[in-house]
Protein backbone atom coordinates (compact mmCIF):
# COMPACT_ATOMS: atom_id res chain seq x y z
CA MET A 1 14.93 -3.20 34.86
CA ILE A 2 15.83 -0.57 32.31
CA TYR A 3 16.51 2.83 33.85
CA PHE A 4 16.05 5.39 31.10
CA ILE A 5 17.66 8.75 31.91
CA ARG A 6 17.15 11.77 29.69
CA HIS A 7 20.14 14.10 29.52
CA GLY A 8 20.19 17.39 31.40
CA GLU A 9 19.17 20.76 30.03
CA THR A 10 20.87 22.27 26.96
CA GLU A 11 20.37 25.71 25.40
CA TRP A 12 18.24 24.12 22.69
CA SER A 13 16.09 22.01 25.02
CA LEU A 14 15.47 25.18 27.01
CA THR A 15 14.16 26.97 23.91
CA GLY A 16 12.29 24.01 22.40
CA LYS A 17 14.56 23.54 19.39
CA HIS A 18 14.73 20.04 17.93
CA THR A 19 18.20 18.78 18.80
CA GLY A 20 19.08 15.58 17.00
CA GLN A 21 22.65 15.24 15.78
CA THR A 22 23.82 18.72 16.78
CA ASP A 23 26.33 17.96 19.52
CA ILE A 24 25.80 20.70 22.08
CA PRO A 25 26.84 20.68 25.76
CA LEU A 26 24.77 20.91 28.89
CA THR A 27 24.00 24.31 30.34
CA THR A 28 25.25 25.14 33.83
CA HIS A 29 21.79 24.22 35.11
CA GLY A 30 21.90 21.01 33.05
CA LYS A 31 25.15 20.05 34.79
CA SER A 32 23.52 20.65 38.18
CA GLN A 33 20.58 18.47 37.11
CA ALA A 34 22.99 15.69 36.11
CA ARG A 35 24.84 15.86 39.45
CA ALA A 36 21.48 15.68 41.26
CA LEU A 37 20.99 12.22 39.73
CA THR A 38 23.87 10.82 41.84
CA PRO A 39 21.95 10.03 45.05
CA ARG A 40 19.12 8.55 42.97
CA LEU A 41 21.32 6.12 41.02
CA ARG A 42 24.45 5.38 43.05
CA ASP A 43 23.15 2.40 45.06
CA ILE A 44 21.54 0.58 42.14
CA PRO A 45 23.58 -2.37 40.82
CA PHE A 46 23.86 -1.97 37.04
CA ALA A 47 24.97 -4.76 34.71
CA ALA A 48 25.65 -2.09 32.09
CA VAL A 49 25.59 1.69 31.71
CA ILE A 50 25.18 2.81 28.12
CA SER A 51 24.86 6.22 26.53
CA SER A 52 24.26 7.95 23.27
CA PRO A 53 27.65 9.15 21.96
CA LEU A 54 26.41 12.77 21.94
CA GLN A 55 28.11 14.88 24.60
CA ARG A 56 24.94 15.97 26.39
CA ALA A 57 24.12 12.33 27.19
CA VAL A 58 27.71 11.27 27.97
CA GLU A 59 28.23 14.29 30.21
CA THR A 60 24.98 13.58 32.08
CA CYS A 61 26.18 10.03 32.69
CA GLN A 62 29.60 11.15 33.90
CA LEU A 63 28.20 13.84 36.21
CA SER A 64 25.70 11.36 37.66
CA GLY A 65 28.63 9.35 39.01
CA LEU A 66 27.95 6.17 37.02
CA LEU A 67 30.76 4.47 35.14
CA LEU A 68 29.95 4.40 31.44
CA THR A 69 30.20 0.90 29.93
CA GLU A 70 29.86 1.93 26.27
CA THR A 71 28.38 4.44 23.89
CA VAL A 72 25.70 3.10 21.55
CA PRO A 73 24.76 5.15 18.46
CA ASP A 74 21.34 3.47 18.32
CA VAL A 75 20.26 5.39 21.46
CA ASP A 76 20.89 8.76 19.78
CA GLU A 77 18.07 11.26 19.43
CA TRP A 78 15.79 11.24 16.40
CA ASN A 79 17.58 12.51 13.28
CA TYR A 80 15.52 15.61 12.50
CA GLY A 81 17.08 16.27 9.09
CA GLN A 82 15.77 19.57 7.70
CA TYR A 83 14.00 20.28 10.99
CA GLU A 84 17.19 20.27 13.08
CA GLY A 85 17.36 23.39 15.24
CA LEU A 86 13.76 24.40 14.55
CA THR A 87 10.91 24.57 17.04
CA SER A 88 7.65 22.73 16.42
CA ASP A 89 5.85 26.07 15.97
CA THR A 90 8.32 27.13 13.27
CA ILE A 91 7.89 23.81 11.46
CA ARG A 92 4.10 24.11 11.60
CA ASP A 93 4.28 27.57 10.00
CA THR A 94 5.15 25.82 6.73
CA ARG A 95 3.69 22.37 7.48
CA PRO A 96 0.45 22.79 9.45
CA GLY A 97 -0.45 19.89 11.70
CA TRP A 98 3.03 18.35 11.61
CA GLY A 99 3.93 15.91 14.40
CA VAL A 100 7.23 14.05 14.59
CA PHE A 101 5.68 10.78 15.83
CA ARG A 102 3.26 10.70 12.91
CA ASP A 103 5.18 12.43 10.11
CA GLY A 104 8.91 11.97 10.75
CA CYS A 105 11.41 14.44 9.33
CA PRO A 106 12.39 15.19 5.72
CA GLY A 107 16.08 14.52 5.21
CA GLY A 108 16.16 12.75 8.57
CA GLU A 109 14.51 9.66 10.04
CA SER A 110 11.05 8.40 9.23
CA VAL A 111 8.73 7.03 11.89
CA ASP A 112 9.40 3.49 10.61
CA GLN A 113 13.17 3.98 10.88
CA VAL A 114 12.89 5.17 14.48
CA GLN A 115 10.57 2.28 15.32
CA GLN A 116 13.07 -0.22 13.88
CA ARG A 117 15.91 1.43 15.78
CA ALA A 118 13.94 1.38 19.05
CA ASP A 119 13.20 -2.31 18.52
CA ARG A 120 16.92 -3.01 17.98
CA VAL A 121 17.74 -1.18 21.20
CA LEU A 122 15.14 -3.10 23.19
CA SER A 123 16.36 -6.40 21.80
CA ARG A 124 19.88 -5.47 22.91
CA LEU A 125 18.76 -4.33 26.38
CA ARG A 126 16.84 -7.53 27.03
CA ARG A 127 20.08 -9.51 26.68
CA TYR A 128 21.74 -7.89 29.72
CA PRO A 129 21.61 -10.06 32.86
CA GLY A 130 20.55 -7.29 35.24
CA ASN A 131 19.63 -3.61 35.53
CA VAL A 132 20.73 -1.33 32.68
CA ALA A 133 21.07 2.45 32.75
CA VAL A 134 20.47 4.17 29.41
CA PHE A 135 21.44 7.83 29.02
CA SER A 136 19.65 9.15 26.00
CA HIS A 137 17.26 11.77 24.65
CA GLY A 138 13.68 12.98 24.90
CA GLN A 139 11.80 12.02 21.77
CA PHE A 140 13.76 8.83 21.23
CA GLY A 141 13.01 7.89 24.86
CA GLU A 142 9.32 8.50 24.30
CA ALA A 143 9.42 6.28 21.19
CA LEU A 144 11.34 3.62 23.13
CA ALA A 145 8.69 3.63 25.86
CA ALA A 146 5.92 3.14 23.33
CA ARG A 147 7.74 0.20 21.77
CA TRP A 148 8.51 -1.33 25.21
CA ILE A 149 4.79 -1.73 25.83
CA GLY A 150 4.19 -2.95 22.27
CA ARG A 151 2.61 0.20 20.91
CA PRO A 152 3.47 1.96 17.62
CA VAL A 153 5.72 5.01 17.73
CA LEU A 154 2.68 7.22 17.05
CA GLU A 155 1.57 6.50 20.64
CA ALA A 156 4.74 8.21 21.91
CA GLN A 157 2.96 11.52 21.36
CA HIS A 158 1.17 10.78 24.66
CA PHE A 159 4.42 10.64 26.63
CA HIS A 160 6.63 13.53 27.74
CA LEU A 161 10.15 13.53 29.15
CA ASP A 162 11.77 16.44 30.97
CA PRO A 163 15.56 16.86 31.14
CA ALA A 164 17.43 14.80 33.75
CA THR A 165 14.49 12.58 34.62
CA VAL A 166 14.46 8.85 35.29
CA SER A 167 11.95 6.35 33.91
CA ILE A 168 11.86 2.61 34.60
CA PHE A 169 10.81 -0.10 32.16
CA GLN A 170 10.39 -3.59 33.54
CA ILE A 171 8.40 -6.79 33.30
CA ASP A 172 5.41 -6.94 35.64
CA PRO A 173 6.47 -9.36 38.42
CA ALA A 174 2.90 -10.67 38.72
CA HIS A 175 2.53 -11.12 34.96
CA PRO A 176 5.85 -12.22 33.40
CA ALA A 177 4.66 -11.69 29.83
CA VAL A 178 3.61 -8.07 30.42
CA PRO A 179 6.11 -5.22 29.95
CA VAL A 180 5.23 -2.16 32.05
CA ILE A 181 6.48 1.34 32.63
CA SER A 182 6.70 1.38 36.40
CA LEU A 183 8.07 4.93 36.69
CA TRP A 184 7.85 7.78 34.21
CA ASN A 185 9.51 11.20 33.95
CA SER A 186 10.53 11.21 37.61
CA SER A 187 12.69 13.87 39.20
CA GLY A 188 11.96 12.61 42.71
CA THR A 189 12.97 9.64 44.82
CA LEU A 190 13.16 6.30 43.05
CA PRO A 191 11.15 3.34 44.36
CA GLY A 192 12.97 1.71 47.24
CA LYS A 193 15.29 4.69 47.69
CA LYS A 194 15.34 6.77 50.89
CA ASP A 195 17.27 9.69 49.41
CA ALA A 196 15.04 12.53 48.25
CA LEU A 197 16.35 15.27 46.01
């Protein structure tokens, strides 16, 4: 199983600003969210724990109590280019109807580039012999979910990830050729876990 964990709250996630390569820390509340992941994740045997190199993801991993195996630049957030630090409403003031999963970002990554990157990540994750924890970001996680189930990145517009949530990607045990999302955007107890937050 792939356990996808979005990082905790930052000042920019709180205000809806697109945060790609800007390396900002967690808020105090974001740190509390990350620590609250500990009882949800501590008893799961992980073959690997990987993270985006950006501090908000690394710090979420560290505060969750998991031992980071390696940082992987391919699990970084979307590169927003000229839209870095802007809200969607601000972008739409000058580009009506804009959507990141359809239009990409000028000076940053295109939809095709993110789709190729997500496919590289999934190919890498499938090679691990057991459960993998991935500490990453919101819109890249949504794109990764779409690609996991074989859908184009455009379909990621139908997903939403809150800070410090856990999602699980796996193969359907009853249908070994079918990838499924068995848990999405969860801030509650994980399947098979008795600890509630």
